[in-house]
Amino acid sequence: MQHKGSKKIETKRLILRPFRMEDDIYIYNNWANDNEVTHFLRWPTHSSVEVSRKLLSEWIPKYENNDYYSWAIELKSISEPIGSIMVVRQREHLKLMEIGYWVGKKWWNQGFASEALGAIVHFLICEVGANRIQASHDTRNPGSGRVMEKCGLKYEGTMRQSDINNQGIFDCALYAIIADDYKGLQACLSLQESMPIPEIDL
């Protein structure tokens, strides 16, 4: 893979960018202090903004490594991060990357998670050269799976009692997309956009 680091990526409504120390208050207020957001996550709810600040002090130095991928999901309309998306695991020899993401409750069911994930899948496959992008979720949290499906990831199976989060050991549903499938899908979409819409007499 040709690692490029956590470069800034812009979508219609979002800016995906590296975190900054001044983001601590947004992390805490917009998602990390909410038990509903962290319910199915692997890290605990933040008890104070100091916890969020400490996390940033660990993340930010890692940006010096071009194989570290962690973005704040900034909503353009308010110029604040509303969530995060990152590569939580990678296997270089397989060109495999696993993605994790979360968005504050106030912004659920508005397509922001899928907009961010779609942009990151495109970046990692088309620019970094990843061959397989995967993500997983607790089977009791099917909404996360719908986000993955919207971005072209296919359900590959459920690994029973295979992981642990804030609710304990859970059944983990796995989704993935490989580069050939993604590029084929993109080619089909480009072809559809370039084709004239036929006129129909009614």
Protein backbone atom coordinates (compact mmCIF):
# COMPACT_ATOMS: atom_id res chain seq x y z
CA MET A 1 0.00 0.00 0.00
CA GLN A 2 1.07 3.59 -0.60
CA HIS A 3 0.29 5.19 2.73
CA LYS A 4 -0.74 8.83 2.64
CA GLY A 5 -1.75 9.52 6.25
CA SER A 6 -4.93 11.17 7.47
CA LYS A 7 -5.25 13.69 4.67
CA LYS A 8 -8.14 16.14 4.64
CA ILE A 9 -11.13 14.85 2.66
CA GLU A 10 -14.19 16.91 1.76
CA THR A 11 -17.67 15.63 0.94
CA LYS A 12 -20.94 17.46 0.27
CA ARG A 13 -21.70 18.09 3.94
CA LEU A 14 -18.56 17.03 5.78
CA ILE A 15 -14.88 17.73 6.22
CA LEU A 16 -12.86 14.71 7.34
CA ARG A 17 -9.65 16.00 8.90
CA PRO A 18 -7.02 15.18 11.51
CA PHE A 19 -7.98 15.95 15.09
CA ARG A 20 -6.61 19.02 16.86
CA MET A 21 -6.17 19.57 20.60
CA GLU A 22 -8.96 22.16 20.60
CA ASP A 23 -11.37 19.43 19.53
CA ASP A 24 -11.47 18.08 23.09
CA ILE A 25 -14.66 19.98 23.98
CA TYR A 26 -16.42 18.78 20.81
CA ILE A 27 -15.44 15.16 21.41
CA TYR A 28 -16.82 15.36 24.92
CA ASN A 29 -19.96 17.40 24.24
CA ASN A 30 -20.96 15.96 20.87
CA TRP A 31 -20.56 12.21 21.43
CA ALA A 32 -18.12 10.83 24.01
CA ASN A 33 -20.14 11.78 27.11
CA ASP A 34 -23.31 10.04 25.85
CA ASN A 35 -24.03 6.52 27.10
CA GLU A 36 -26.32 5.90 24.12
CA VAL A 37 -23.47 6.59 21.70
CA THR A 38 -20.99 4.36 23.56
CA HIS A 39 -23.56 1.62 24.31
CA PHE A 40 -22.15 -0.81 21.72
CA LEU A 41 -18.62 0.60 21.53
CA ARG A 42 -15.41 -0.83 22.94
CA TRP A 43 -14.38 2.29 24.89
CA PRO A 44 -16.13 3.74 27.96
CA THR A 45 -18.17 6.93 28.10
CA HIS A 46 -15.93 9.90 28.92
CA SER A 47 -16.51 11.22 32.45
CA SER A 48 -15.01 14.65 31.74
CA VAL A 49 -13.44 16.77 29.02
CA GLU A 50 -10.06 15.92 30.55
CA VAL A 51 -10.52 12.32 29.41
CA SER A 52 -11.15 13.55 25.86
CA ARG A 53 -8.08 15.80 26.07
CA LYS A 54 -5.90 12.92 27.24
CA LEU A 55 -7.10 10.82 24.31
CA LEU A 56 -6.16 13.58 21.86
CA SER A 57 -2.71 13.85 23.44
CA GLU A 58 -2.23 10.17 22.52
CA TRP A 59 -3.72 10.41 19.02
CA ILE A 60 -2.15 13.58 17.69
CA PRO A 61 1.55 12.52 17.82
CA LYS A 62 0.61 9.47 15.73
CA TYR A 63 -0.17 11.71 12.76
CA GLU A 64 3.58 11.81 12.15
CA ASN A 65 3.22 8.24 10.84
CA ASN A 66 1.82 8.06 7.31
CA ASP A 67 0.13 4.72 8.06
CA TYR A 68 -2.02 6.22 10.85
CA TYR A 69 -5.59 7.01 9.82
CA SER A 70 -7.92 8.87 12.17
CA TRP A 71 -10.34 11.61 11.16
CA ALA A 72 -12.68 14.02 12.89
CA ILE A 73 -16.03 14.10 11.08
CA GLU A 74 -16.65 17.85 10.92
CA LEU A 75 -20.09 19.07 9.89
CA LYS A 76 -19.65 22.04 7.55
CA SER A 77 -22.85 23.78 8.64
CA ILE A 78 -21.66 24.19 12.25
CA SER A 79 -17.86 23.85 11.84
CA GLU A 80 -17.71 21.29 14.64
CA PRO A 81 -16.71 17.62 14.77
CA ILE A 82 -19.79 15.44 15.28
CA GLY A 83 -18.00 12.08 15.30
CA SER A 84 -14.93 10.14 14.32
CA ILE A 85 -13.86 7.55 11.77
CA MET A 86 -10.58 5.65 11.83
CA VAL A 87 -8.67 2.60 10.71
CA VAL A 88 -8.73 0.43 13.82
CA ARG A 89 -6.71 -2.45 12.39
CA GLN A 90 -4.60 -3.13 9.31
CA ARG A 91 -2.65 -6.06 7.91
CA GLU A 92 -0.09 -4.75 5.46
CA HIS A 93 0.69 -8.05 3.73
CA LEU A 94 -3.00 -8.56 2.95
CA LYS A 95 -3.63 -4.89 2.10
CA LEU A 96 -6.49 -5.14 4.60
CA MET A 97 -7.92 -2.27 6.64
CA GLU A 98 -10.69 -2.36 9.21
CA ILE A 99 -12.71 0.78 9.90
CA GLY A 100 -14.54 1.94 13.01
CA TYR A 101 -16.81 5.00 13.25
CA TRP A 102 -19.27 6.77 15.53
CA VAL A 103 -21.45 9.88 15.33
CA GLY A 104 -23.20 11.87 18.07
CA LYS A 105 -26.84 10.99 18.73
CA LYS A 106 -28.08 14.41 17.59
CA TRP A 107 -26.89 13.55 14.08
CA TRP A 108 -28.11 9.96 13.82
CA ASN A 109 -30.29 8.85 10.88
CA GLN A 110 -29.21 11.74 8.66
CA GLY A 111 -26.70 9.87 6.48
CA PHE A 112 -23.58 11.41 7.99
CA ALA A 113 -21.96 8.09 8.97
CA SER A 114 -22.46 6.60 5.51
CA GLU A 115 -21.23 9.82 3.85
CA ALA A 116 -18.03 9.65 5.91
CA LEU A 117 -17.53 5.90 5.47
CA GLY A 118 -18.10 6.10 1.71
CA ALA A 119 -15.44 8.79 1.38
CA ILE A 120 -12.93 6.81 3.45
CA VAL A 121 -13.55 3.58 1.52
CA HIS A 122 -12.88 5.46 -1.72
CA PHE A 123 -9.70 7.04 -0.34
CA LEU A 124 -8.26 3.82 1.07
CA ILE A 125 -8.95 1.75 -2.06
CA CYS A 126 -8.28 4.29 -4.80
CA GLU A 127 -5.45 6.31 -3.24
CA VAL A 128 -3.81 4.15 -0.58
CA GLY A 129 -4.20 0.87 -2.47
CA ALA A 130 -6.06 -1.22 0.09
CA ASN A 131 -7.47 -4.44 -1.34
CA ARG A 132 -9.96 -5.25 1.41
CA ILE A 133 -11.93 -2.87 3.61
CA GLN A 134 -13.91 -4.41 6.43
CA ALA A 135 -16.02 -3.31 9.39
CA SER A 136 -18.04 -5.10 12.04
CA HIS A 137 -20.79 -4.46 14.54
CA ASP A 138 -22.65 -5.99 17.46
CA THR A 139 -25.64 -7.87 16.00
CA ARG A 140 -27.86 -5.99 18.45
CA ASN A 141 -26.92 -2.77 16.64
CA PRO A 142 -28.21 -3.39 13.09
CA GLY A 143 -28.16 0.31 12.19
CA SER A 144 -24.39 0.16 11.93
CA GLY A 145 -24.70 -2.67 9.42
CA ARG A 146 -27.04 -0.59 7.27
CA VAL A 147 -24.37 2.10 7.07
CA MET A 148 -21.88 -0.49 5.83
CA GLU A 149 -24.30 -1.83 3.21
CA LYS A 150 -24.99 1.69 1.89
CA CYS A 151 -21.26 2.01 1.21
CA GLY A 152 -21.04 -1.25 -0.73
CA LEU A 153 -19.74 -3.53 2.01
CA LYS A 154 -21.29 -6.99 1.90
CA TYR A 155 -22.31 -9.08 4.87
CA GLU A 156 -19.93 -12.03 5.18
CA GLY A 157 -21.17 -13.74 8.32
CA THR A 158 -21.53 -13.57 12.08
CA MET A 159 -18.77 -14.67 14.41
CA ARG A 160 -20.54 -15.84 17.54
CA GLN A 161 -19.32 -14.63 20.92
CA SER A 162 -16.15 -13.33 19.28
CA ASP A 163 -15.65 -9.79 20.64
CA ILE A 164 -16.34 -7.63 23.66
CA ASN A 165 -17.77 -4.13 24.12
CA ASN A 166 -19.51 -2.12 26.82
CA GLN A 167 -22.34 -4.69 26.87
CA GLY A 168 -20.00 -7.65 27.31
CA ILE A 169 -19.13 -10.46 24.92
CA PHE A 170 -21.14 -10.21 21.71
CA ASP A 171 -21.89 -11.81 18.35
CA CYS A 172 -19.98 -9.85 15.72
CA ALA A 173 -21.39 -9.29 12.20
CA LEU A 174 -18.66 -8.82 9.59
CA TYR A 175 -18.97 -6.79 6.38
CA ALA A 176 -16.35 -6.15 3.70
CA ILE A 177 -15.66 -4.91 0.20
CA ILE A 178 -12.65 -5.75 -1.97
CA ALA A 179 -11.00 -3.45 -4.46
CA ASP A 180 -12.16 -5.26 -7.62
CA ASP A 181 -15.79 -5.11 -6.51
CA TYR A 182 -15.52 -1.46 -5.54
CA LYS A 183 -13.87 -0.38 -8.78
CA GLY A 184 -16.45 -2.35 -10.77
CA LEU A 185 -19.25 -0.62 -8.89
CA GLN A 186 -17.69 2.78 -9.50
CA ALA A 187 -17.34 2.03 -13.22
CA CYS A 188 -21.02 1.07 -13.43
CA LEU A 189 -22.07 4.26 -11.66
CA SER A 190 -19.90 6.37 -13.97
CA LEU A 191 -21.42 4.66 -17.01
CA GLN A 192 -24.94 5.27 -15.73
CA GLU A 193 -24.20 8.96 -15.17
CA SER A 194 -22.82 9.34 -18.70
CA MET A 195 -25.73 7.60 -20.43
CA PRO A 196 -28.53 9.83 -21.76
CA ILE A 197 -31.94 9.30 -20.20
CA PRO A 198 -34.32 8.03 -22.94
CA GLU A 199 -37.41 10.05 -23.70
CA ILE A 200 -40.66 8.18 -23.16
CA ASP A 201 -43.97 9.08 -24.78
CA LEU A 202 -46.86 8.86 -22.33
